[in-house]
Amino acid sequence: MPKILKQKSIFKSKLFDIKQADIEFNGITMKYEIISGTGSGAVMVVPFIENDIIFIKEYAAAIDDYMITFPKGKIDKGETIEEAANRELQEEVGYKSKEIKLIKKLYLAPGYIDHMTYVMVAKELSVSSLRGDEPEELEVIRVHRDDVINFLDKNEIIDSRVHAALNIIENHE
Protein backbone atom coordinates (compact mmCIF):
# COMPACT_ATOMS: atom_id res chain seq x y z
CA MET A 1 0.00 0.00 0.00
CA PRO A 2 1.39 3.44 -0.88
CA LYS A 3 2.33 5.63 2.09
CA ILE A 4 2.12 9.43 2.24
CA LEU A 5 5.45 10.54 3.71
CA LYS A 6 4.78 14.27 3.82
CA GLN A 7 2.36 16.86 2.54
CA LYS A 8 2.67 20.62 2.34
CA SER A 9 0.53 23.40 0.94
CA ILE A 10 2.13 25.06 -2.09
CA PHE A 11 -0.74 27.40 -3.05
CA LYS A 12 -3.92 28.48 -1.32
CA SER A 13 -6.87 30.47 -2.68
CA LYS A 14 -10.34 31.26 -1.37
CA LEU A 15 -11.63 27.96 -2.81
CA PHE A 16 -8.64 25.64 -3.13
CA ASP A 17 -5.52 24.44 -1.36
CA ILE A 18 -2.95 22.79 -3.65
CA LYS A 19 -0.69 20.46 -1.75
CA GLN A 20 2.46 18.66 -2.73
CA ALA A 21 2.64 15.13 -1.41
CA ASP A 22 5.60 12.77 -1.26
CA ILE A 23 4.19 9.26 -1.60
CA GLU A 24 6.23 6.10 -1.28
CA PHE A 25 5.51 3.09 -3.51
CA ASN A 26 7.63 0.00 -2.73
CA GLY A 27 10.61 2.09 -1.66
CA ILE A 28 10.29 4.65 -4.47
CA THR A 29 9.12 8.16 -3.59
CA MET A 30 6.95 10.05 -6.07
CA LYS A 31 5.75 13.66 -5.90
CA TYR A 32 2.05 14.38 -6.42
CA GLU A 33 -0.05 17.52 -6.39
CA ILE A 34 -3.44 17.28 -4.73
CA ILE A 35 -6.18 19.89 -5.05
CA SER A 36 -8.29 20.18 -1.91
CA GLY A 37 -11.41 22.22 -1.43
CA THR A 38 -11.61 24.53 1.54
CA GLY A 39 -14.95 23.15 2.75
CA SER A 40 -16.64 19.86 3.55
CA GLY A 41 -17.56 18.88 0.02
CA ALA A 42 -20.69 19.62 -1.93
CA VAL A 43 -24.17 18.34 -2.58
CA MET A 44 -25.91 17.83 -5.90
CA VAL A 45 -29.67 17.34 -5.73
CA VAL A 46 -31.84 15.48 -8.25
CA PRO A 47 -35.31 16.96 -7.61
CA PHE A 48 -38.43 15.03 -8.64
CA ILE A 49 -41.93 16.49 -8.97
CA GLU A 50 -44.27 13.66 -9.91
CA ASN A 51 -42.71 12.21 -13.09
CA ASP A 52 -40.62 15.29 -13.83
CA ILE A 53 -36.99 16.01 -12.99
CA ILE A 54 -35.85 19.59 -12.42
CA PHE A 55 -32.62 20.75 -14.07
CA ILE A 56 -30.98 24.16 -14.07
CA LYS A 57 -28.99 26.03 -16.68
CA GLU A 58 -26.14 27.87 -15.02
CA TYR A 59 -23.05 29.79 -16.09
CA ALA A 60 -19.80 27.84 -15.70
CA ALA A 61 -16.84 30.23 -15.41
CA ALA A 62 -14.15 27.64 -16.25
CA ILE A 63 -15.61 27.11 -19.73
CA ASP A 64 -17.19 30.57 -20.16
CA ASP A 65 -20.53 29.09 -21.16
CA TYR A 66 -23.78 27.80 -19.73
CA MET A 67 -24.22 24.20 -18.65
CA ILE A 68 -27.09 21.90 -17.73
CA THR A 69 -26.82 20.68 -14.18
CA PHE A 70 -28.81 20.00 -11.03
CA PRO A 71 -29.09 22.26 -7.98
CA LYS A 72 -25.76 22.01 -6.19
CA GLY A 73 -23.40 23.79 -3.88
CA LYS A 74 -20.94 23.53 -1.05
CA ILE A 75 -21.84 22.25 2.37
CA ASP A 76 -21.65 25.12 4.85
CA LYS A 77 -19.88 24.65 8.17
CA GLY A 78 -22.19 22.92 10.66
CA GLU A 79 -24.68 21.74 8.01
CA THR A 80 -25.67 18.14 7.43
CA ILE A 81 -25.76 16.99 3.82
CA GLU A 82 -29.57 16.94 4.00
CA GLU A 83 -29.69 20.53 5.27
CA ALA A 84 -27.25 21.67 2.57
CA ALA A 85 -29.28 19.89 -0.13
CA ASN A 86 -32.54 21.46 1.04
CA ARG A 87 -30.93 24.91 1.22
CA GLU A 88 -29.55 24.58 -2.31
CA LEU A 89 -32.95 23.44 -3.59
CA GLN A 90 -34.60 26.50 -2.10
CA GLU A 91 -31.90 28.88 -3.34
CA GLU A 92 -31.64 27.53 -6.88
CA VAL A 93 -35.08 26.19 -7.88
CA GLY A 94 -37.52 27.50 -5.27
CA TYR A 95 -38.56 24.23 -3.63
CA LYS A 96 -37.89 22.36 -0.41
CA SER A 97 -38.14 18.63 0.14
CA LYS A 98 -39.82 16.51 2.80
CA GLU A 99 -38.02 13.41 1.52
CA ILE A 100 -34.35 13.85 0.74
CA LYS A 101 -31.79 11.06 0.76
CA LEU A 102 -28.22 10.30 -0.19
CA ILE A 103 -27.85 7.98 -3.16
CA LYS A 104 -24.08 8.06 -3.77
CA LYS A 105 -20.83 9.86 -3.03
CA LEU A 106 -18.87 10.89 -6.12
CA TYR A 107 -15.25 11.98 -6.50
CA LEU A 108 -14.62 14.29 -9.45
CA ALA A 109 -11.06 13.25 -10.33
CA PRO A 110 -9.63 11.28 -7.39
CA GLY A 111 -6.18 11.02 -8.93
CA TYR A 112 -5.53 14.65 -8.03
CA ILE A 113 -8.68 16.24 -6.53
CA ASP A 114 -10.04 15.15 -3.15
CA HIS A 115 -13.38 16.95 -3.61
CA MET A 116 -16.48 14.86 -2.85
CA THR A 117 -20.01 15.45 -4.12
CA TYR A 118 -22.90 13.89 -2.24
CA VAL A 119 -25.61 13.06 -4.79
CA MET A 120 -29.05 13.39 -3.22
CA VAL A 121 -32.58 12.62 -4.44
CA ALA A 122 -35.33 15.01 -3.36
CA LYS A 123 -39.03 14.12 -3.49
CA GLU A 124 -42.21 15.49 -1.95
CA LEU A 125 -41.33 19.04 -2.97
CA SER A 126 -43.22 22.16 -1.94
CA VAL A 127 -42.71 25.78 -2.95
CA SER A 128 -40.15 27.55 -0.75
CA SER A 129 -37.32 29.87 -1.71
CA LEU A 130 -34.24 31.34 -0.12
CA ARG A 131 -31.92 34.00 -1.48
CA GLY A 132 -28.83 32.36 -2.96
CA ASP A 133 -25.39 33.59 -3.92
CA GLU A 134 -25.80 33.33 -7.71
CA PRO A 135 -25.01 36.55 -9.60
CA GLU A 136 -27.96 35.97 -11.95
CA GLU A 137 -31.26 34.11 -11.88
CA LEU A 138 -30.85 30.48 -12.87
CA GLU A 139 -32.99 29.00 -15.62
CA VAL A 140 -35.12 26.21 -14.09
CA ILE A 141 -36.04 23.47 -16.56
CA ARG A 142 -38.66 20.83 -15.74
CA VAL A 143 -38.35 17.69 -17.90
CA HIS A 144 -40.60 14.63 -17.91
CA ARG A 145 -38.63 11.56 -16.87
CA ASP A 146 -39.34 9.86 -20.24
CA ASP A 147 -37.87 12.87 -22.11
CA VAL A 148 -34.61 13.23 -20.15
CA ILE A 149 -32.38 11.44 -22.70
CA ASN A 150 -33.71 13.61 -25.56
CA PHE A 151 -33.30 16.74 -23.42
CA LEU A 152 -29.68 15.90 -22.62
CA ASP A 153 -28.96 15.00 -26.26
CA LYS A 154 -30.14 18.47 -27.33
CA ASN A 155 -27.73 20.21 -24.92
CA GLU A 156 -24.01 20.17 -25.53
CA ILE A 157 -22.58 21.25 -22.18
CA ILE A 158 -23.72 19.05 -19.31
CA ASP A 159 -22.13 18.65 -15.88
CA SER A 160 -20.75 15.10 -15.93
CA ARG A 161 -22.22 14.50 -12.46
CA VAL A 162 -25.69 14.78 -14.07
CA HIS A 163 -25.00 11.68 -16.16
CA ALA A 164 -23.56 9.84 -13.17
CA ALA A 165 -26.51 10.74 -10.93
CA LEU A 166 -29.11 9.73 -13.52
CA ASN A 167 -27.33 6.45 -14.18
CA ILE A 168 -27.22 5.67 -10.45
CA ILE A 169 -30.92 6.49 -10.06
CA GLU A 170 -31.89 4.45 -13.12
CA ASN A 171 -30.02 1.40 -11.87
CA HIS A 172 -30.82 1.60 -8.15
CA GLU A 173 -34.35 2.98 -7.72
C-alpha atoms as a PDB file:
ATOM      1  CA  MET A   1       0.000   0.000   0.000  1.00  0.00           C
ATOM      2  CA  PRO A   2       1.392   3.435  -0.880  1.00  0.00           C
ATOM      3  CA  LYS A   3       2.330   5.627   2.086  1.00  0.00           C
ATOM      4  CA  ILE A   4       2.118   9.430   2.244  1.00  0.00           C
ATOM      5  CA  LEU A   5       5.453  10.539   3.714  1.00  0.00           C
ATOM      6  CA  LYS A   6       4.775  14.270   3.823  1.00  0.00           C
ATOM      7  CA  GLN A   7       2.361  16.856   2.535  1.00  0.00           C
ATOM      8  CA  LYS A   8       2.670  20.622   2.340  1.00  0.00           C
ATOM      9  CA  SER A   9       0.529  23.400   0.945  1.00  0.00           C
ATOM     10  CA  ILE A  10       2.130  25.058  -2.091  1.00  0.00           C
ATOM     11  CA  PHE A  11      -0.741  27.397  -3.051  1.00  0.00           C
ATOM     12  CA  LYS A  12      -3.924  28.477  -1.318  1.00  0.00           C
ATOM     13  CA  SER A  13      -6.869  30.467  -2.680  1.00  0.00           C
ATOM     14  CA  LYS A  14     -10.337  31.255  -1.367  1.00  0.00           C
ATOM     15  CA  LEU A  15     -11.632  27.960  -2.809  1.00  0.00           C
ATOM     16  CA  PHE A  16      -8.635  25.639  -3.133  1.00  0.00           C
ATOM     17  CA  ASP A  17      -5.522  24.437  -1.361  1.00  0.00           C
ATOM     18  CA  ILE A  18      -2.946  22.794  -3.646  1.00  0.00           C
ATOM     19  CA  LYS A  19      -0.694  20.456  -1.750  1.00  0.00           C
ATOM     20  CA  GLN A  20       2.463  18.664  -2.731  1.00  0.00           C
ATOM     21  CA  ALA A  21       2.636  15.128  -1.412  1.00  0.00           C
ATOM     22  CA  ASP A  22       5.597  12.775  -1.263  1.00  0.00           C
ATOM     23  CA  ILE A  23       4.191   9.259  -1.604  1.00  0.00           C
ATOM     24  CA  GLU A  24       6.229   6.097  -1.280  1.00  0.00           C
ATOM     25  CA  PHE A  25       5.512   3.093  -3.509  1.00  0.00           C
ATOM     26  CA  ASN A  26       7.628   0.004  -2.728  1.00  0.00           C
ATOM     27  CA  GLY A  27      10.613   2.094  -1.661  1.00  0.00           C
ATOM     28  CA  ILE A  28      10.285   4.648  -4.473  1.00  0.00           C
ATOM     29  CA  THR A  29       9.119   8.157  -3.586  1.00  0.00           C
ATOM     30  CA  MET A  30       6.953  10.049  -6.069  1.00  0.00           C
ATOM     31  CA  LYS A  31       5.747  13.663  -5.901  1.00  0.00           C
ATOM     32  CA  TYR A  32       2.051  14.383  -6.420  1.00  0.00           C
ATOM     33  CA  GLU A  33      -0.053  17.518  -6.391  1.00  0.00           C
ATOM     34  CA  ILE A  34      -3.445  17.281  -4.726  1.00  0.00           C
ATOM     35  CA  ILE A  35      -6.183  19.889  -5.051  1.00  0.00           C
ATOM     36  CA  SER A  36      -8.289  20.176  -1.911  1.00  0.00           C
ATOM     37  CA  GLY A  37     -11.407  22.220  -1.434  1.00  0.00           C
ATOM     38  CA  THR A  38     -11.614  24.534   1.539  1.00  0.00           C
ATOM     39  CA  GLY A  39     -14.953  23.149   2.746  1.00  0.00           C
ATOM     40  CA  SER A  40     -16.642  19.861   3.553  1.00  0.00           C
ATOM     41  CA  GLY A  41     -17.559  18.884   0.024  1.00  0.00           C
ATOM     42  CA  ALA A  42     -20.692  19.623  -1.935  1.00  0.00           C
ATOM     43  CA  VAL A  43     -24.171  18.343  -2.575  1.00  0.00           C
ATOM     44  CA  MET A  44     -25.914  17.828  -5.901  1.00  0.00           C
ATOM     45  CA  VAL A  45     -29.672  17.343  -5.731  1.00  0.00           C
ATOM     46  CA  VAL A  46     -31.838  15.481  -8.245  1.00  0.00           C
ATOM     47  CA  PRO A  47     -35.311  16.960  -7.614  1.00  0.00           C
ATOM     48  CA  PHE A  48     -38.428  15.029  -8.636  1.00  0.00           C
ATOM     49  CA  ILE A  49     -41.927  16.490  -8.969  1.00  0.00           C
ATOM     50  CA  GLU A  50     -44.272  13.662  -9.907  1.00  0.00           C
ATOM     51  CA  ASN A  51     -42.712  12.208 -13.094  1.00  0.00           C
ATOM     52  CA  ASP A  52     -40.616  15.294 -13.828  1.00  0.00           C
ATOM     53  CA  ILE A  53     -36.992  16.014 -12.990  1.00  0.00           C
ATOM     54  CA  ILE A  54     -35.846  19.594 -12.417  1.00  0.00           C
ATOM     55  CA  PHE A  55     -32.624  20.753 -14.067  1.00  0.00           C
ATOM     56  CA  ILE A  56     -30.982  24.161 -14.069  1.00  0.00           C
ATOM     57  CA  LYS A  57     -28.988  26.029 -16.680  1.00  0.00           C
ATOM     58  CA  GLU A  58     -26.139  27.868 -15.020  1.00  0.00           C
ATOM     59  CA  TYR A  59     -23.055  29.790 -16.085  1.00  0.00           C
ATOM     60  CA  ALA A  60     -19.796  27.838 -15.702  1.00  0.00           C
ATOM     61  CA  ALA A  61     -16.836  30.226 -15.410  1.00  0.00           C
ATOM     62  CA  ALA A  62     -14.153  27.644 -16.255  1.00  0.00           C
ATOM     63  CA  ILE A  63     -15.609  27.106 -19.730  1.00  0.00           C
ATOM     64  CA  ASP A  64     -17.185  30.573 -20.160  1.00  0.00           C
ATOM     65  CA  ASP A  65     -20.533  29.092 -21.165  1.00  0.00           C
ATOM     66  CA  TYR A  66     -23.780  27.803 -19.733  1.00  0.00           C
ATOM     67  CA  MET A  67     -24.225  24.204 -18.645  1.00  0.00           C
ATOM     68  CA  ILE A  68     -27.089  21.899 -17.734  1.00  0.00           C
ATOM     69  CA  THR A  69     -26.823  20.676 -14.182  1.00  0.00           C
ATOM     70  CA  PHE A  70     -28.807  20.001 -11.025  1.00  0.00           C
ATOM     71  CA  PRO A  71     -29.085  22.256  -7.978  1.00  0.00           C
ATOM     72  CA  LYS A  72     -25.761  22.008  -6.189  1.00  0.00           C
ATOM     73  CA  GLY A  73     -23.401  23.793  -3.880  1.00  0.00           C
ATOM     74  CA  LYS A  74     -20.944  23.529  -1.053  1.00  0.00           C
ATOM     75  CA  ILE A  75     -21.836  22.255   2.365  1.00  0.00           C
ATOM     76  CA  ASP A  76     -21.651  25.116   4.846  1.00  0.00           C
ATOM     77  CA  LYS A  77     -19.881  24.647   8.166  1.00  0.00           C
ATOM     78  CA  GLY A  78     -22.187  22.921  10.658  1.00  0.00           C
ATOM     79  CA  GLU A  79     -24.679  21.736   8.012  1.00  0.00           C
ATOM     80  CA  THR A  80     -25.670  18.137   7.431  1.00  0.00           C
ATOM     81  CA  ILE A  81     -25.764  16.987   3.820  1.00  0.00           C
ATOM     82  CA  GLU A  82     -29.574  16.944   3.995  1.00  0.00           C
ATOM     83  CA  GLU A  83     -29.688  20.535   5.272  1.00  0.00           C
ATOM     84  CA  ALA A  84     -27.254  21.667   2.568  1.00  0.00           C
ATOM     85  CA  ALA A  85     -29.278  19.893  -0.130  1.00  0.00           C
ATOM     86  CA  ASN A  86     -32.540  21.458   1.038  1.00  0.00           C
ATOM     87  CA  ARG A  87     -30.930  24.911   1.218  1.00  0.00           C
ATOM     88  CA  GLU A  88     -29.547  24.584  -2.314  1.00  0.00           C
ATOM     89  CA  LEU A  89     -32.951  23.436  -3.588  1.00  0.00           C
ATOM     90  CA  GLN A  90     -34.604  26.504  -2.100  1.00  0.00           C
ATOM     91  CA  GLU A  91     -31.902  28.883  -3.344  1.00  0.00           C
ATOM     92  CA  GLU A  92     -31.642  27.529  -6.885  1.00  0.00           C
ATOM     93  CA  VAL A  93     -35.079  26.185  -7.878  1.00  0.00           C
ATOM     94  CA  GLY A  94     -37.519  27.502  -5.267  1.00  0.00           C
ATOM     95  CA  TYR A  95     -38.560  24.228  -3.628  1.00  0.00           C
ATOM     96  CA  LYS A  96     -37.889  22.364  -0.405  1.00  0.00           C
ATOM     97  CA  SER A  97     -38.140  18.628   0.136  1.00  0.00           C
ATOM     98  CA  LYS A  98     -39.815  16.513   2.801  1.00  0.00           C
ATOM     99  CA  GLU A  99     -38.015  13.410   1.516  1.00  0.00           C
ATOM    100  CA  ILE A 100     -34.345  13.852   0.738  1.00  0.00           C
ATOM    101  CA  LYS A 101     -31.792  11.057   0.763  1.00  0.00           C
ATOM    102  CA  LEU A 102     -28.219  10.301  -0.187  1.00  0.00           C
ATOM    103  CA  ILE A 103     -27.847   7.977  -3.155  1.00  0.00           C
ATOM    104  CA  LYS A 104     -24.084   8.060  -3.774  1.00  0.00           C
ATOM    105  CA  LYS A 105     -20.826   9.856  -3.029  1.00  0.00           C
ATOM    106  CA  LEU A 106     -18.867  10.887  -6.123  1.00  0.00           C
ATOM    107  CA  TYR A 107     -15.254  11.982  -6.496  1.00  0.00           C
ATOM    108  CA  LEU A 108     -14.618  14.286  -9.454  1.00  0.00           C
ATOM    109  CA  ALA A 109     -11.057  13.254 -10.334  1.00  0.00           C
ATOM    110  CA  PRO A 110      -9.634  11.275  -7.390  1.00  0.00           C
ATOM    111  CA  GLY A 111      -6.182  11.019  -8.932  1.00  0.00           C
ATOM    112  CA  TYR A 112      -5.526  14.647  -8.034  1.00  0.00           C
ATOM    113  CA  ILE A 113      -8.677  16.235  -6.532  1.00  0.00           C
ATOM    114  CA  ASP A 114     -10.036  15.152  -3.147  1.00  0.00           C
ATOM    115  CA  HIS A 115     -13.379  16.949  -3.613  1.00  0.00           C
ATOM    116  CA  MET A 116     -16.479  14.865  -2.853  1.00  0.00           C
ATOM    117  CA  THR A 117     -20.007  15.451  -4.120  1.00  0.00           C
ATOM    118  CA  TYR A 118     -22.903  13.888  -2.243  1.00  0.00           C
ATOM    119  CA  VAL A 119     -25.615  13.060  -4.793  1.00  0.00           C
ATOM    120  CA  MET A 120     -29.051  13.388  -3.218  1.00  0.00           C
ATOM    121  CA  VAL A 121     -32.577  12.623  -4.437  1.00  0.00           C
ATOM    122  CA  ALA A 122     -35.332  15.008  -3.362  1.00  0.00           C
ATOM    123  CA  LYS A 123     -39.026  14.120  -3.494  1.00  0.00           C
ATOM    124  CA  GLU A 124     -42.208  15.492  -1.945  1.00  0.00           C
ATOM    125  CA  LEU A 125     -41.334  19.040  -2.974  1.00  0.00           C
ATOM    126  CA  SER A 126     -43.217  22.157  -1.945  1.00  0.00           C
ATOM    127  CA  VAL A 127     -42.710  25.778  -2.954  1.00  0.00           C
ATOM    128  CA  SER A 128     -40.154  27.554  -0.753  1.00  0.00           C
ATOM    129  CA  SER A 129     -37.322  29.870  -1.710  1.00  0.00           C
ATOM    130  CA  LEU A 130     -34.237  31.341  -0.123  1.00  0.00           C
ATOM    131  CA  ARG A 131     -31.918  33.999  -1.483  1.00  0.00           C
ATOM    132  CA  GLY A 132     -28.829  32.359  -2.963  1.00  0.00           C
ATOM    133  CA  ASP A 133     -25.390  33.587  -3.923  1.00  0.00           C
ATOM    134  CA  GLU A 134     -25.795  33.332  -7.705  1.00  0.00           C
ATOM    135  CA  PRO A 135     -25.013  36.548  -9.602  1.00  0.00           C
ATOM    136  CA  GLU A 136     -27.961  35.968 -11.952  1.00  0.00           C
ATOM    137  CA  GLU A 137     -31.258  34.106 -11.882  1.00  0.00           C
ATOM    138  CA  LEU A 138     -30.854  30.477 -12.873  1.00  0.00           C
ATOM    139  CA  GLU A 139     -32.991  28.995 -15.616  1.00  0.00           C
ATOM    140  CA  VAL A 140     -35.120  26.215 -14.095  1.00  0.00           C
ATOM    141  CA  ILE A 141     -36.044  23.468 -16.560  1.00  0.00           C
ATOM    142  CA  ARG A 142     -38.659  20.827 -15.738  1.00  0.00           C
ATOM    143  CA  VAL A 143     -38.350  17.688 -17.897  1.00  0.00           C
ATOM    144  CA  HIS A 144     -40.604  14.627 -17.911  1.00  0.00           C
ATOM    145  CA  ARG A 145     -38.632  11.558 -16.870  1.00  0.00           C
ATOM    146  CA  ASP A 146     -39.339   9.861 -20.244  1.00  0.00           C
ATOM    147  CA  ASP A 147     -37.873  12.869 -22.112  1.00  0.00           C
ATOM    148  CA  VAL A 148     -34.611  13.233 -20.147  1.00  0.00           C
ATOM    149  CA  ILE A 149     -32.383  11.441 -22.696  1.00  0.00           C
ATOM    150  CA  ASN A 150     -33.710  13.613 -25.555  1.00  0.00           C
ATOM    151  CA  PHE A 151     -33.302  16.743 -23.423  1.00  0.00           C
ATOM    152  CA  LEU A 152     -29.681  15.902 -22.624  1.00  0.00           C
ATOM    153  CA  ASP A 153     -28.957  14.996 -26.263  1.00  0.00           C
ATOM    154  CA  LYS A 154     -30.142  18.474 -27.325  1.00  0.00           C
ATOM    155  CA  ASN A 155     -27.732  20.212 -24.923  1.00  0.00           C
ATOM    156  CA  GLU A 156     -24.009  20.169 -25.532  1.00  0.00           C
ATOM    157  CA  ILE A 157     -22.583  21.248 -22.181  1.00  0.00           C
ATOM    158  CA  ILE A 158     -23.722  19.045 -19.306  1.00  0.00           C
ATOM    159  CA  ASP A 159     -22.132  18.655 -15.884  1.00  0.00           C
ATOM    160  CA  SER A 160     -20.749  15.099 -15.930  1.00  0.00           C
ATOM    161  CA  ARG A 161     -22.218  14.505 -12.465  1.00  0.00           C
ATOM    162  CA  VAL A 162     -25.693  14.784 -14.065  1.00  0.00           C
ATOM    163  CA  HIS A 163     -24.995  11.680 -16.159  1.00  0.00           C
ATOM    164  CA  ALA A 164     -23.557   9.840 -13.169  1.00  0.00           C
ATOM    165  CA  ALA A 165     -26.510  10.742 -10.926  1.00  0.00           C
ATOM    166  CA  LEU A 166     -29.111   9.730 -13.516  1.00  0.00           C
ATOM    167  CA  ASN A 167     -27.328   6.447 -14.176  1.00  0.00           C
ATOM    168  CA  ILE A 168     -27.221   5.669 -10.452  1.00  0.00           C
ATOM    169  CA  ILE A 169     -30.925   6.489 -10.060  1.00  0.00           C
ATOM    170  CA  GLU A 170     -31.893   4.446 -13.123  1.00  0.00           C
ATOM    171  CA  ASN A 171     -30.023   1.402 -11.869  1.00  0.00           C
ATOM    172  CA  HIS A 172     -30.819   1.598  -8.152  1.00  0.00           C
ATOM    173  CA  GLU A 173     -34.346   2.976  -7.723  1.00  0.00           C
END
